[in-house]
C-alpha atoms as a PDB file:
ATOM      1  CA  MET A   1      -7.376  14.542  -2.107  1.00  0.00           C
ATOM      2  CA  PRO A   2      -8.705  11.234  -0.793  1.00  0.00           C
ATOM      3  CA  GLU A   3      -6.380   9.328   1.496  1.00  0.00           C
ATOM      4  CA  ARG A   4      -6.444   6.451   3.952  1.00  0.00           C
ATOM      5  CA  THR A   5      -4.134   5.520   6.816  1.00  0.00           C
ATOM      6  CA  VAL A   6      -3.737   1.855   7.689  1.00  0.00           C
ATOM      7  CA  VAL A   7      -1.556  -0.364   9.882  1.00  0.00           C
ATOM      8  CA  VAL A   8       0.279  -3.050   7.895  1.00  0.00           C
ATOM      9  CA  ALA A   9      -0.847  -6.467   9.158  1.00  0.00           C
ATOM     10  CA  SER A  10       1.534  -8.771   7.268  1.00  0.00           C
ATOM     11  CA  SER A  11       3.913 -10.435   9.715  1.00  0.00           C
ATOM     12  CA  VAL A  12       6.958  -9.423   7.648  1.00  0.00           C
ATOM     13  CA  GLY A  13       5.586  -6.030   6.656  1.00  0.00           C
ATOM     14  CA  LEU A  14       5.677  -5.001   3.003  1.00  0.00           C
ATOM     15  CA  HIS A  15       8.547  -7.245   1.965  1.00  0.00           C
ATOM     16  CA  ALA A  16       8.758  -9.931  -0.730  1.00  0.00           C
ATOM     17  CA  ARG A  17       5.376 -11.606  -1.297  1.00  0.00           C
ATOM     18  CA  PRO A  18       3.165  -9.037   0.500  1.00  0.00           C
ATOM     19  CA  ALA A  19       4.858  -6.188  -1.370  1.00  0.00           C
ATOM     20  CA  ALA A  20       4.364  -7.981  -4.686  1.00  0.00           C
ATOM     21  CA  LEU A  21       0.680  -8.649  -4.010  1.00  0.00           C
ATOM     22  CA  PHE A  22       0.132  -5.066  -2.901  1.00  0.00           C
ATOM     23  CA  SER A  23       1.933  -3.462  -5.844  1.00  0.00           C
ATOM     24  CA  GLN A  24       0.115  -5.734  -8.324  1.00  0.00           C
ATOM     25  CA  ALA A  25      -3.236  -4.707  -6.838  1.00  0.00           C
ATOM     26  CA  ALA A  26      -2.211  -1.038  -6.986  1.00  0.00           C
ATOM     27  CA  ALA A  27      -1.179  -1.450 -10.640  1.00  0.00           C
ATOM     28  CA  GLN A  28      -4.602  -2.882 -11.430  1.00  0.00           C
ATOM     29  CA  ALA A  29      -6.395   0.035  -9.769  1.00  0.00           C
ATOM     30  CA  SER A  30      -8.090   2.434 -12.123  1.00  0.00           C
ATOM     31  CA  VAL A  31      -6.208   5.393 -10.621  1.00  0.00           C
ATOM     32  CA  PRO A  32      -2.596   6.159  -9.622  1.00  0.00           C
ATOM     33  CA  ILE A  33      -1.972   5.536  -5.915  1.00  0.00           C
ATOM     34  CA  VAL A  34       0.807   6.963  -3.740  1.00  0.00           C
ATOM     35  CA  LEU A  35       2.107   5.008  -0.729  1.00  0.00           C
ATOM     36  CA  THR A  36       3.662   7.091   2.059  1.00  0.00           C
ATOM     37  CA  SER A  37       5.597   5.590   4.967  1.00  0.00           C
ATOM     38  CA  ALA A  38       5.436   6.812   8.558  1.00  0.00           C
ATOM     39  CA  ALA A  39       8.810   8.464   7.896  1.00  0.00           C
ATOM     40  CA  GLY A  40       7.194  10.585   5.182  1.00  0.00           C
ATOM     41  CA  ARG A  41       8.771   8.947   2.118  1.00  0.00           C
ATOM     42  CA  SER A  42       6.374   8.467  -0.809  1.00  0.00           C
ATOM     43  CA  VAL A  43       6.438   6.116  -3.793  1.00  0.00           C
ATOM     44  CA  ASN A  44       4.165   4.980  -6.590  1.00  0.00           C
ATOM     45  CA  ALA A  45       2.226   2.103  -4.988  1.00  0.00           C
ATOM     46  CA  ALA A  46       2.312   0.163  -8.266  1.00  0.00           C
ATOM     47  CA  SER A  47       6.123   0.015  -8.195  1.00  0.00           C
ATOM     48  CA  ILE A  48       7.372  -3.105  -6.426  1.00  0.00           C
ATOM     49  CA  LEU A  49      10.866  -1.628  -6.140  1.00  0.00           C
ATOM     50  CA  GLY A  50       9.445   1.593  -4.721  1.00  0.00           C
ATOM     51  CA  VAL A  51       7.350  -0.280  -2.160  1.00  0.00           C
ATOM     52  CA  LEU A  52      10.320  -2.443  -1.125  1.00  0.00           C
ATOM     53  CA  SER A  53      12.564   0.626  -0.840  1.00  0.00           C
ATOM     54  CA  LEU A  54      10.380   2.005   1.966  1.00  0.00           C
ATOM     55  CA  GLY A  55      11.263  -0.929   4.259  1.00  0.00           C
ATOM     56  CA  ILE A  56       7.814  -1.002   5.859  1.00  0.00           C
ATOM     57  CA  ASP A  57       7.568  -3.392   8.812  1.00  0.00           C
ATOM     58  CA  HIS A  58       4.673  -5.204  10.494  1.00  0.00           C
ATOM     59  CA  GLY A  59       2.523  -2.821  12.539  1.00  0.00           C
ATOM     60  CA  GLU A  60       3.779   0.306  10.759  1.00  0.00           C
ATOM     61  CA  ARG A  61       1.274   2.968   9.719  1.00  0.00           C
ATOM     62  CA  VAL A  62       1.213   3.929   6.056  1.00  0.00           C
ATOM     63  CA  THR A  63      -0.910   6.352   4.072  1.00  0.00           C
ATOM     64  CA  LEU A  64      -2.449   5.691   0.684  1.00  0.00           C
ATOM     65  CA  SER A  65      -3.555   8.650  -1.409  1.00  0.00           C
ATOM     66  CA  SER A  66      -4.583   9.635  -4.911  1.00  0.00           C
ATOM     67  CA  GLU A  67      -5.336  12.919  -6.612  1.00  0.00           C
ATOM     68  CA  ALA A  68      -7.514  11.202  -9.214  1.00  0.00           C
ATOM     69  CA  PRO A  69     -11.274  11.633  -9.112  1.00  0.00           C
ATOM     70  CA  GLY A  70     -13.120   8.499  -8.034  1.00  0.00           C
ATOM     71  CA  ALA A  71     -10.145   7.050  -6.139  1.00  0.00           C
ATOM     72  CA  ASP A  72     -12.120   6.054  -3.026  1.00  0.00           C
ATOM     73  CA  PRO A  73     -12.995   2.472  -4.109  1.00  0.00           C
ATOM     74  CA  ALA A  74      -9.386   1.742  -5.100  1.00  0.00           C
ATOM     75  CA  LEU A  75      -8.068   3.150  -1.823  1.00  0.00           C
ATOM     76  CA  ASP A  76     -10.600   1.126   0.173  1.00  0.00           C
ATOM     77  CA  ALA A  77      -9.622  -2.088  -1.642  1.00  0.00           C
ATOM     78  CA  LEU A  78      -5.915  -1.509  -0.997  1.00  0.00           C
ATOM     79  CA  VAL A  79      -6.557  -0.727   2.679  1.00  0.00           C
ATOM     80  CA  ALA A  80      -8.479  -4.005   3.001  1.00  0.00           C
ATOM     81  CA  LEU A  81      -5.519  -5.808   1.445  1.00  0.00           C
ATOM     82  CA  LEU A  82      -3.001  -4.263   3.869  1.00  0.00           C
ATOM     83  CA  GLU A  83      -5.215  -5.123   6.848  1.00  0.00           C
ATOM     84  CA  ARG A  84      -4.700  -8.836   6.104  1.00  0.00           C
ATOM     85  CA  ASP A  85      -1.619 -10.935   6.828  1.00  0.00           C
ATOM     86  CA  LEU A  86      -0.644 -11.643   3.226  1.00  0.00           C
ATOM     87  CA  ASP A  87       2.025 -14.109   4.338  1.00  0.00           C
ATOM     88  CA  GLU A  88      -0.634 -16.379   5.844  1.00  0.00           C
ATOM     89  CA  GLU A  89      -2.699 -16.651   2.661  1.00  0.00           C
END
């Protein structure tokens, strides 16, 4: 199963606007993506409420994964998104 680990760069973590941008991008991916917090809780990355429920802060490590074939490009795109400060854009 392909997966990526990334440090969240947004200054407020995955809250409000960054969470919305991330979950929208995950929903547009061609494969289902799972977001797992450092505490081990997992949610559907396309669910804004799920993403917000994890309470992910700036600098926290998260893991993105998918069991779908061909998930690597979608995972790479979401990692690139999380590596940016989405509050500054």
